[in-house]
Structure formats: structure tokens, C-alpha cells
Amino acid sequence: MNNGDLFNENIKAIICQNIKKYRKEKGMRVMDLAEQLDVSVNHLKRIESANDRNNISLMTLYKISIILEVRIDKFFEKGNEDST
């Protein structure tokens, strides 16, 4: 097994999809989570967008995990759900 097998290059897309998934499961609107994170709605939309070139900081992901009451490792799990 080489290092390429260990790293998922789509990890940012997986994290973004999971943030959105868990936010919706919690019944929380983008504006509500943005307010609790103390970021703009547009910034949170970029965080949830797999197409955005910027990476999410570990501290922001940690804060999201606390607000959504989801263990941080859950954001790294690849799901089979379609992104809606």
C-alpha cells in the first residue's frame, strides 16, 4: 500500500457534505449556524461548498462539531447519501 492509498483527495468534499448533512439533520438553517459560529452566511456557504478553494480550519470544524453536537471524526466519514 502506498501513501496514495492512505489519503483521500476528496476529503474536503466529504467534510463539506457532512457539515451540511449534520446541520440539516439538526434542523438548523445556514444563517443560524453562521450566527453561532460568528461568521457571515456567505462564509458558511463557502465552507459547505466542496467547490470552494479555501480549506476549513481545524478550529472552525471543531466549533461546528460542538454546535451540531457531532463528534469531529464523523465529518471525515464518507457516506453514500446524495448531496442535496
PDB file of N, CA and C in Angstrom:
ATOM      1  N   MET A   1       0.852  -1.193   0.000  1.00  0.00           N
ATOM      2  CA  MET A   1       0.000   0.000   0.000  1.00  0.00           C
ATOM      3  C   MET A   1       0.888   1.244   0.000  1.00  0.00           C
ATOM      4  N   ASN A   2       0.636   2.156  -0.925  1.00  0.00           N
ATOM      5  CA  ASN A   2       1.411   3.397  -0.949  1.00  0.00           C
ATOM      6  C   ASN A   2       0.622   4.516  -0.286  1.00  0.00           C
ATOM      7  N   ASN A   3       1.275   5.658  -0.107  1.00  0.00           N
ATOM      8  CA  ASN A   3       0.616   6.779   0.579  1.00  0.00           C
ATOM      9  C   ASN A   3      -0.633   7.254  -0.146  1.00  0.00           C
ATOM     10  N   GLY A   4      -0.677   7.097  -1.467  1.00  0.00           N
ATOM     11  CA  GLY A   4      -1.856   7.491  -2.225  1.00  0.00           C
ATOM     12  C   GLY A   4      -3.089   6.714  -1.801  1.00  0.00           C
ATOM     13  N   ASP A   5      -2.878   5.481  -1.326  1.00  0.00           N
ATOM     14  CA  ASP A   5      -3.997   4.672  -0.861  1.00  0.00           C
ATOM     15  C   ASP A   5      -4.487   5.124   0.512  1.00  0.00           C
ATOM     16  N   LEU A   6      -3.656   5.827   1.258  1.00  0.00           N
ATOM     17  CA  LEU A   6      -3.999   6.249   2.610  1.00  0.00           C
ATOM     18  C   LEU A   6      -4.765   7.564   2.645  1.00  0.00           C
ATOM     19  N   PHE A   7      -4.569   8.383   1.624  1.00  0.00           N
ATOM     20  CA  PHE A   7      -5.141   9.728   1.640  1.00  0.00           C
ATOM     21  C   PHE A   7      -6.257   9.858   0.615  1.00  0.00           C
ATOM     22  N   ASN A   8      -7.378  10.377   1.042  1.00  0.00           N
ATOM     23  CA  ASN A   8      -8.497  10.607   0.148  1.00  0.00           C
ATOM     24  C   ASN A   8      -8.418  12.050  -0.326  1.00  0.00           C
ATOM     25  N   GLU A   9      -8.177  12.230  -1.615  1.00  0.00           N
ATOM     26  CA  GLU A   9      -8.036  13.589  -2.155  1.00  0.00           C
ATOM     27  C   GLU A   9      -9.357  14.355  -2.139  1.00  0.00           C
ATOM     28  N   ASN A  10     -10.444  13.655  -1.934  1.00  0.00           N
ATOM     29  CA  ASN A  10     -11.748  14.305  -1.887  1.00  0.00           C
ATOM     30  C   ASN A  10     -12.185  14.605  -0.456  1.00  0.00           C
ATOM     31  N   ILE A  11     -11.240  14.627   0.469  1.00  0.00           N
ATOM     32  CA  ILE A  11     -11.588  14.792   1.885  1.00  0.00           C
ATOM     33  C   ILE A  11     -12.319  16.103   2.142  1.00  0.00           C
ATOM     34  N   LYS A  12     -11.943  17.171   1.451  1.00  0.00           N
ATOM     35  CA  LYS A  12     -12.636  18.448   1.655  1.00  0.00           C
ATOM     36  C   LYS A  12     -14.091  18.335   1.239  1.00  0.00           C
ATOM     37  N   ALA A  13     -14.363  17.674   0.126  1.00  0.00           N
ATOM     38  CA  ALA A  13     -15.740  17.489  -0.325  1.00  0.00           C
ATOM     39  C   ALA A  13     -16.523  16.658   0.681  1.00  0.00           C
ATOM     40  N   ILE A  14     -15.896  15.650   1.247  1.00  0.00           N
ATOM     41  CA  ILE A  14     -16.552  14.799   2.242  1.00  0.00           C
ATOM     42  C   ILE A  14     -16.893  15.618   3.492  1.00  0.00           C
ATOM     43  N   ILE A  15     -15.936  16.404   3.961  1.00  0.00           N
ATOM     44  CA  ILE A  15     -16.172  17.242   5.143  1.00  0.00           C
ATOM     45  C   ILE A  15     -17.299  18.235   4.879  1.00  0.00           C
ATOM     46  N   CYS A  16     -17.264  18.900   3.722  1.00  0.00           N
ATOM     47  CA  CYS A  16     -18.294  19.883   3.371  1.00  0.00           C
ATOM     48  C   CYS A  16     -19.673  19.237   3.327  1.00  0.00           C
ATOM     49  N   GLN A  17     -19.753  18.076   2.695  1.00  0.00           N
ATOM     50  CA  GLN A  17     -21.020  17.358   2.589  1.00  0.00           C
ATOM     51  C   GLN A  17     -21.538  16.987   3.979  1.00  0.00           C
ATOM     52  N   ASN A  18     -20.639  16.557   4.850  1.00  0.00           N
ATOM     53  CA  ASN A  18     -21.056  16.151   6.192  1.00  0.00           C
ATOM     54  C   ASN A  18     -21.482  17.333   7.052  1.00  0.00           C
ATOM     55  N   ILE A  19     -20.825  18.459   6.918  1.00  0.00           N
ATOM     56  CA  ILE A  19     -21.253  19.654   7.667  1.00  0.00           C
ATOM     57  C   ILE A  19     -22.691  19.979   7.298  1.00  0.00           C
ATOM     58  N   LYS A  20     -22.954  20.017   6.004  1.00  0.00           N
ATOM     59  CA  LYS A  20     -24.300  20.322   5.528  1.00  0.00           C
ATOM     60  C   LYS A  20     -25.298  19.265   5.997  1.00  0.00           C
ATOM     61  N   LYS A  21     -24.916  17.995   5.899  1.00  0.00           N
ATOM     62  CA  LYS A  21     -25.790  16.888   6.305  1.00  0.00           C
ATOM     63  C   LYS A  21     -26.167  16.995   7.781  1.00  0.00           C
ATOM     64  N   TYR A  22     -25.164  17.160   8.639  1.00  0.00           N
ATOM     65  CA  TYR A  22     -25.443  17.213  10.072  1.00  0.00           C
ATOM     66  C   TYR A  22     -26.178  18.486  10.471  1.00  0.00           C
ATOM     67  N   ARG A  23     -25.908  19.583   9.761  1.00  0.00           N
ATOM     68  CA  ARG A  23     -26.645  20.829  10.027  1.00  0.00           C
ATOM     69  C   ARG A  23     -28.124  20.623   9.723  1.00  0.00           C
ATOM     70  N   LYS A  24     -28.409  19.997   8.578  1.00  0.00           N
ATOM     71  CA  LYS A  24     -29.806  19.756   8.197  1.00  0.00           C
ATOM     72  C   LYS A  24     -30.476  18.761   9.144  1.00  0.00           C
ATOM     73  N   GLU A  25     -29.745  17.725   9.544  1.00  0.00           N
ATOM     74  CA  GLU A  25     -30.294  16.752  10.497  1.00  0.00           C
ATOM     75  C   GLU A  25     -30.679  17.432  11.809  1.00  0.00           C
ATOM     76  N   LYS A  26     -29.917  18.442  12.180  1.00  0.00           N
ATOM     77  CA  LYS A  26     -30.175  19.191  13.415  1.00  0.00           C
ATOM     78  C   LYS A  26     -31.331  20.180  13.224  1.00  0.00           C
ATOM     79  N   GLY A  27     -31.768  20.333  11.970  1.00  0.00           N
ATOM     80  CA  GLY A  27     -32.849  21.274  11.677  1.00  0.00           C
ATOM     81  C   GLY A  27     -32.396  22.711  11.754  1.00  0.00           C
ATOM     82  N   MET A  28     -31.137  22.947  11.466  1.00  0.00           N
ATOM     83  CA  MET A  28     -30.556  24.276  11.607  1.00  0.00           C
ATOM     84  C   MET A  28     -30.378  24.919  10.224  1.00  0.00           C
ATOM     85  N   ARG A  29     -30.755  26.163  10.125  1.00  0.00           N
ATOM     86  CA  ARG A  29     -30.560  26.912   8.884  1.00  0.00           C
ATOM     87  C   ARG A  29     -29.115  27.400   8.801  1.00  0.00           C
ATOM     88  N   VAL A  30     -28.679  27.700   7.587  1.00  0.00           N
ATOM     89  CA  VAL A  30     -27.330  28.228   7.375  1.00  0.00           C
ATOM     90  C   VAL A  30     -27.124  29.468   8.234  1.00  0.00           C
ATOM     91  N   MET A  31     -28.115  30.348   8.236  1.00  0.00           N
ATOM     92  CA  MET A  31     -27.960  31.604   8.986  1.00  0.00           C
ATOM     93  C   MET A  31     -27.840  31.355  10.494  1.00  0.00           C
ATOM     94  N   ASP A  32     -28.509  30.309  10.991  1.00  0.00           N
ATOM     95  CA  ASP A  32     -28.421  30.009  12.422  1.00  0.00           C
ATOM     96  C   ASP A  32     -27.025  29.515  12.805  1.00  0.00           C
ATOM     97  N   LEU A  33     -26.496  28.597  11.995  1.00  0.00           N
ATOM     98  CA  LEU A  33     -25.158  28.081  12.279  1.00  0.00           C
ATOM     99  C   LEU A  33     -24.122  29.185  12.104  1.00  0.00           C
ATOM    100  N   ALA A  34     -24.271  29.989  11.069  1.00  0.00           N
ATOM    101  CA  ALA A  34     -23.330  31.095  10.833  1.00  0.00           C
ATOM    102  C   ALA A  34     -23.307  32.038  12.031  1.00  0.00           C
ATOM    103  N   GLU A  35     -24.474  32.342  12.560  1.00  0.00           N
ATOM    104  CA  GLU A  35     -24.564  33.241  13.710  1.00  0.00           C
ATOM    105  C   GLU A  35     -23.842  32.642  14.923  1.00  0.00           C
ATOM    106  N   GLN A  36     -24.077  31.360  15.172  1.00  0.00           N
ATOM    107  CA  GLN A  36     -23.429  30.718  16.319  1.00  0.00           C
ATOM    108  C   GLN A  36     -21.918  30.608  16.134  1.00  0.00           C
ATOM    109  N   LEU A  37     -21.479  30.459  14.872  1.00  0.00           N
ATOM    110  CA  LEU A  37     -20.038  30.399  14.594  1.00  0.00           C
ATOM    111  C   LEU A  37     -19.403  31.788  14.576  1.00  0.00           C
ATOM    112  N   ASP A  38     -20.246  32.821  14.519  1.00  0.00           N
ATOM    113  CA  ASP A  38     -19.794  34.203  14.401  1.00  0.00           C
ATOM    114  C   ASP A  38     -19.061  34.429  13.078  1.00  0.00           C
ATOM    115  N   VAL A  39     -19.667  33.887  11.997  1.00  0.00           N
ATOM    116  CA  VAL A  39     -19.171  34.115  10.636  1.00  0.00           C
ATOM    117  C   VAL A  39     -20.353  34.574   9.790  1.00  0.00           C
ATOM    118  N   SER A  40     -20.066  35.116   8.623  1.00  0.00           N
ATOM    119  CA  SER A  40     -21.142  35.537   7.733  1.00  0.00           C
ATOM    120  C   SER A  40     -21.794  34.310   7.094  1.00  0.00           C
ATOM    121  N   VAL A  41     -23.021  34.499   6.641  1.00  0.00           N
ATOM    122  CA  VAL A  41     -23.727  33.426   5.939  1.00  0.00           C
ATOM    123  C   VAL A  41     -22.943  33.022   4.696  1.00  0.00           C
ATOM    124  N   ASN A  42     -22.408  34.006   3.978  1.00  0.00           N
ATOM    125  CA  ASN A  42     -21.629  33.707   2.773  1.00  0.00           C
ATOM    126  C   ASN A  42     -20.392  32.879   3.098  1.00  0.00           C
ATOM    127  N   HIS A  43     -19.753  33.177   4.217  1.00  0.00           N
ATOM    128  CA  HIS A  43     -18.578  32.405   4.614  1.00  0.00           C
ATOM    129  C   HIS A  43     -18.968  30.955   4.905  1.00  0.00           C
ATOM    130  N   LEU A  44     -20.064  30.763   5.612  1.00  0.00           N
ATOM    131  CA  LEU A  44     -20.509  29.398   5.904  1.00  0.00           C
ATOM    132  C   LEU A  44     -20.906  28.669   4.629  1.00  0.00           C
ATOM    133  N   LYS A  45     -21.545  29.363   3.703  1.00  0.00           N
ATOM    134  CA  LYS A  45     -21.889  28.737   2.421  1.00  0.00           C
ATOM    135  C   LYS A  45     -20.627  28.277   1.696  1.00  0.00           C
ATOM    136  N   ARG A  46     -19.556  29.077   1.778  1.00  0.00           N
ATOM    137  CA  ARG A  46     -18.282  28.668   1.167  1.00  0.00           C
ATOM    138  C   ARG A  46     -17.707  27.454   1.886  1.00  0.00           C
ATOM    139  N   ILE A  47     -17.843  27.409   3.227  1.00  0.00           N
ATOM    140  CA  ILE A  47     -17.362  26.262   3.997  1.00  0.00           C
ATOM    141  C   ILE A  47     -18.091  24.996   3.554  1.00  0.00           C
ATOM    142  N   GLU A  48     -19.395  25.099   3.318  1.00  0.00           N
ATOM    143  CA  GLU A  48     -20.199  23.951   2.924  1.00  0.00           C
ATOM    144  C   GLU A  48     -20.060  23.601   1.449  1.00  0.00           C
ATOM    145  N   SER A  49     -19.369  24.424   0.690  1.00  0.00           N
ATOM    146  CA  SER A  49     -19.215  24.189  -0.740  1.00  0.00           C
ATOM    147  C   SER A  49     -17.917  23.447  -1.031  1.00  0.00           C
ATOM    148  N   ALA A  50     -18.049  22.266  -1.612  1.00  0.00           N
ATOM    149  CA  ALA A  50     -16.866  21.476  -1.977  1.00  0.00           C
ATOM    150  C   ALA A  50     -16.080  22.155  -3.093  1.00  0.00           C
ATOM    151  N   ASN A  51     -16.724  23.069  -3.826  1.00  0.00           N
ATOM    152  CA  ASN A  51     -16.063  23.746  -4.952  1.00  0.00           C
ATOM    153  C   ASN A  51     -15.206  24.926  -4.520  1.00  0.00           C
ATOM    154  N   ASP A  52     -15.359  25.363  -3.270  1.00  0.00           N
ATOM    155  CA  ASP A  52     -14.570  26.496  -2.783  1.00  0.00           C
ATOM    156  C   ASP A  52     -13.123  26.055  -2.609  1.00  0.00           C
ATOM    157  N   ARG A  53     -12.199  26.890  -2.996  1.00  0.00           N
ATOM    158  CA  ARG A  53     -10.774  26.523  -2.956  1.00  0.00           C
ATOM    159  C   ARG A  53     -10.163  26.631  -1.573  1.00  0.00           C
ATOM    160  N   ASN A  54     -10.798  27.381  -0.688  1.00  0.00           N
ATOM    161  CA  ASN A  54     -10.248  27.546   0.654  1.00  0.00           C
ATOM    162  C   ASN A  54     -10.554  26.323   1.509  1.00  0.00           C
ATOM    163  N   ASN A  55      -9.644  26.015   2.393  1.00  0.00           N
ATOM    164  CA  ASN A  55      -9.840  24.904   3.318  1.00  0.00           C
ATOM    165  C   ASN A  55     -10.436  25.413   4.620  1.00  0.00           C
ATOM    166  N   ILE A  56     -11.158  24.540   5.283  1.00  0.00           N
ATOM    167  CA  ILE A  56     -11.743  24.876   6.577  1.00  0.00           C
ATOM    168  C   ILE A  56     -10.672  24.677   7.652  1.00  0.00           C
ATOM    169  N   SER A  57     -10.618  25.588   8.602  1.00  0.00           N
ATOM    170  CA  SER A  57      -9.630  25.440   9.667  1.00  0.00           C
ATOM    171  C   SER A  57     -10.100  24.374  10.656  1.00  0.00           C
ATOM    172  N   LEU A  58      -9.159  23.781  11.319  1.00  0.00           N
ATOM    173  CA  LEU A  58      -9.476  22.772  12.325  1.00  0.00           C
ATOM    174  C   LEU A  58     -10.301  23.393  13.450  1.00  0.00           C
ATOM    175  N   MET A  59      -9.991  24.618  13.829  1.00  0.00           N
ATOM    176  CA  MET A  59     -10.735  25.291  14.891  1.00  0.00           C
ATOM    177  C   MET A  59     -12.192  25.513  14.474  1.00  0.00           C
ATOM    178  N   THR A  60     -12.417  25.901  13.233  1.00  0.00           N
ATOM    179  CA  THR A  60     -13.789  26.098  12.756  1.00  0.00           C
ATOM    180  C   THR A  60     -14.534  24.771  12.728  1.00  0.00           C
ATOM    181  N   LEU A  61     -13.887  23.720  12.254  1.00  0.00           N
ATOM    182  CA  LEU A  61     -14.520  22.404  12.239  1.00  0.00           C
ATOM    183  C   LEU A  61     -14.845  21.947  13.656  1.00  0.00           C
ATOM    184  N   TYR A  62     -13.942  22.219  14.582  1.00  0.00           N
ATOM    185  CA  TYR A  62     -14.169  21.878  15.993  1.00  0.00           C
ATOM    186  C   TYR A  62     -15.392  22.620  16.539  1.00  0.00           C
ATOM    187  N   LYS A  63     -15.489  23.918  16.238  1.00  0.00           N
ATOM    188  CA  LYS A  63     -16.629  24.718  16.704  1.00  0.00           C
ATOM    189  C   LYS A  63     -17.933  24.186  16.116  1.00  0.00           C
ATOM    190  N   ILE A  64     -17.902  23.824  14.831  1.00  0.00           N
ATOM    191  CA  ILE A  64     -19.088  23.267  14.182  1.00  0.00           C
ATOM    192  C   ILE A  64     -19.489  21.965  14.864  1.00  0.00           C
ATOM    193  N   SER A  65     -18.518  21.143  15.199  1.00  0.00           N
ATOM    194  CA  SER A  65     -18.816  19.860  15.849  1.00  0.00           C
ATOM    195  C   SER A  65     -19.476  20.078  17.209  1.00  0.00           C
ATOM    196  N   ILE A  66     -19.038  21.092  17.931  1.00  0.00           N
ATOM    197  CA  ILE A  66     -19.628  21.403  19.238  1.00  0.00           C
ATOM    198  C   ILE A  66     -21.066  21.903  19.057  1.00  0.00           C
ATOM    199  N   ILE A  67     -21.258  22.834  18.138  1.00  0.00           N
ATOM    200  CA  ILE A  67     -22.586  23.410  17.913  1.00  0.00           C
ATOM    201  C   ILE A  67     -23.579  22.349  17.436  1.00  0.00           C
ATOM    202  N   LEU A  68     -23.138  21.497  16.506  1.00  0.00           N
ATOM    203  CA  LEU A  68     -24.040  20.485  15.952  1.00  0.00           C
ATOM    204  C   LEU A  68     -24.099  19.220  16.807  1.00  0.00           C
ATOM    205  N   GLU A  69     -23.262  19.180  17.848  1.00  0.00           N
ATOM    206  CA  GLU A  69     -23.206  18.026  18.754  1.00  0.00           C
ATOM    207  C   GLU A  69     -22.892  16.735  17.991  1.00  0.00           C
ATOM    208  N   VAL A  70     -21.841  16.827  17.162  1.00  0.00           N
ATOM    209  CA  VAL A  70     -21.385  15.700  16.353  1.00  0.00           C
ATOM    210  C   VAL A  70     -19.895  15.517  16.629  1.00  0.00           C
ATOM    211  N   ARG A  71     -19.485  14.290  16.898  1.00  0.00           N
ATOM    212  CA  ARG A  71     -18.050  14.031  17.099  1.00  0.00           C
ATOM    213  C   ARG A  71     -17.294  14.450  15.843  1.00  0.00           C
ATOM    214  N   ILE A  72     -16.148  15.059  16.024  1.00  0.00           N
ATOM    215  CA  ILE A  72     -15.409  15.625  14.902  1.00  0.00           C
ATOM    216  C   ILE A  72     -15.008  14.566  13.866  1.00  0.00           C
ATOM    217  N   ASP A  73     -14.767  13.340  14.302  1.00  0.00           N
ATOM    218  CA  ASP A  73     -14.376  12.302  13.351  1.00  0.00           C
ATOM    219  C   ASP A  73     -15.500  11.952  12.382  1.00  0.00           C
ATOM    220  N   LYS A  74     -16.741  12.232  12.752  1.00  0.00           N
ATOM    221  CA  LYS A  74     -17.876  11.942  11.878  1.00  0.00           C
ATOM    222  C   LYS A  74     -17.840  12.772  10.593  1.00  0.00           C
ATOM    223  N   PHE A  75     -17.186  13.928  10.633  1.00  0.00           N
ATOM    224  CA  PHE A  75     -17.105  14.777   9.449  1.00  0.00           C
ATOM    225  C   PHE A  75     -16.188  14.195   8.374  1.00  0.00           C
ATOM    226  N   PHE A  76     -15.368  13.229   8.747  1.00  0.00           N
ATOM    227  CA  PHE A  76     -14.412  12.622   7.821  1.00  0.00           C
ATOM    228  C   PHE A  76     -14.927  11.336   7.198  1.00  0.00           C
ATOM    229  N   GLU A  77     -16.113  10.891   7.594  1.00  0.00           N
ATOM    230  CA  GLU A  77     -16.661   9.634   7.102  1.00  0.00           C
ATOM    231  C   GLU A  77     -17.353   9.833   5.767  1.00  0.00           C
ATOM    232  N   LYS A  78     -16.962   8.987   4.823  1.00  0.00           N
ATOM    233  CA  LYS A  78     -17.584   9.048   3.507  1.00  0.00           C
ATOM    234  C   LYS A  78     -18.916   8.335   3.561  1.00  0.00           C
ATOM    235  N   GLY A  79     -19.970   9.042   3.155  1.00  0.00           N
ATOM    236  CA  GLY A  79     -21.313   8.457   3.143  1.00  0.00           C
ATOM    237  C   GLY A  79     -21.763   8.168   1.730  1.00  0.00           C
ATOM    238  N   ASN A  80     -22.838   7.460   1.622  1.00  0.00           N
ATOM    239  CA  ASN A  80     -23.389   7.147   0.306  1.00  0.00           C
ATOM    240  C   ASN A  80     -24.581   8.020  -0.045  1.00  0.00           C
ATOM    241  N   GLU A  81     -24.868   8.984   0.809  1.00  0.00           N
ATOM    242  CA  GLU A  81     -26.005   9.858   0.563  1.00  0.00           C
ATOM    243  C   GLU A  81     -25.689  10.798  -0.580  1.00  0.00           C
ATOM    244  N   ASP A  82     -26.719  11.157  -1.324  1.00  0.00           N
ATOM    245  CA  ASP A  82     -26.507  12.178  -2.349  1.00  0.00           C
ATOM    246  C   ASP A  82     -26.578  13.532  -1.670  1.00  0.00           C
ATOM    247  N   SER A  83     -25.834  14.489  -2.186  1.00  0.00           N
ATOM    248  CA  SER A  83     -25.815  15.820  -1.556  1.00  0.00           C
ATOM    249  C   SER A  83     -26.969  16.640  -2.097  1.00  0.00           C
ATOM    250  N   THR A  84     -27.847  17.033  -1.195  1.00  0.00           N
ATOM    251  CA  THR A  84     -28.997  17.848  -1.583  1.00  0.00           C
ATOM    252  C   THR A  84     -28.952  19.177  -0.902  1.00  0.00           C
TER     253      THR A  84
END
